[in-house]
């Protein structure tokens, strides 16, 4: 079966192809990522993810379908919940900016496949300007740095959007600039167009090439996944085998 827009998120295609979200899930916890792929474990979309998808749906021209397939957007009286009323204001703010509109006016939700380290990858581009630029739309809480693993990081790196850029650039195959069109959920929405240097994307691609073969072997059942012992899946499936010294617990 050929990958297309309609079957992009199906289990068969998720097993056949690696994606950025899969790759990042394996980085976080190999055991949880595999459990989700095989249907043993399911994570529900968060409110923040739905808001981002709502804004995406507007710019890709899929809003009517999105609203039909997501009744959770609405209150009992049929009106939009407050977070999606705010999403409408985020959309309006983006629409008022000529440059943001231009970058988001490419081909929408373009599906492509390619090999990275001989592993099949799939991507779906928010706004694709052929031979010019790859654009991904992100709706963030704000643009402040994020503390992760004890380090103050730019939110692009903290959420792995630089990894996404490296994969998208490699699969598209023409070394096009990767631009993030960002909007914040603050009371007064901030907007920005952010580029990631080719040098940094190259470093990220090295990371993908180094780890993707192991993740692919885990998907194929050839390698046992490791557990992070901190995520919801690991807590849910944890088996007690000994009594621990409480002073050795890490609460950071």
Foldseek 3Di string as FASTA:
>chain_A
DDDDDVCCPPLVNVLQAPELVLVVVLVVFLVVSLCVSVVNDDDDDDPQNLLFVCLLCVLQVNNVVSCVVCVVQADPVGDGDPSNVLSVVQSVVQVVDPVSNVQQNANAQDWFWDDQLNGIHIDTFGHDDPPAETEAEEEEQDQAFDQDPNDTHGVCVVVVVLLNVLVVCVRVPDNHWYWYWYWHSPPDIDTDIDTDDPVSSVVSSVVCSVCVVVSSCVSVVNDPIGGPCPDPVNVVPPDDDDDDDVVPDDDD
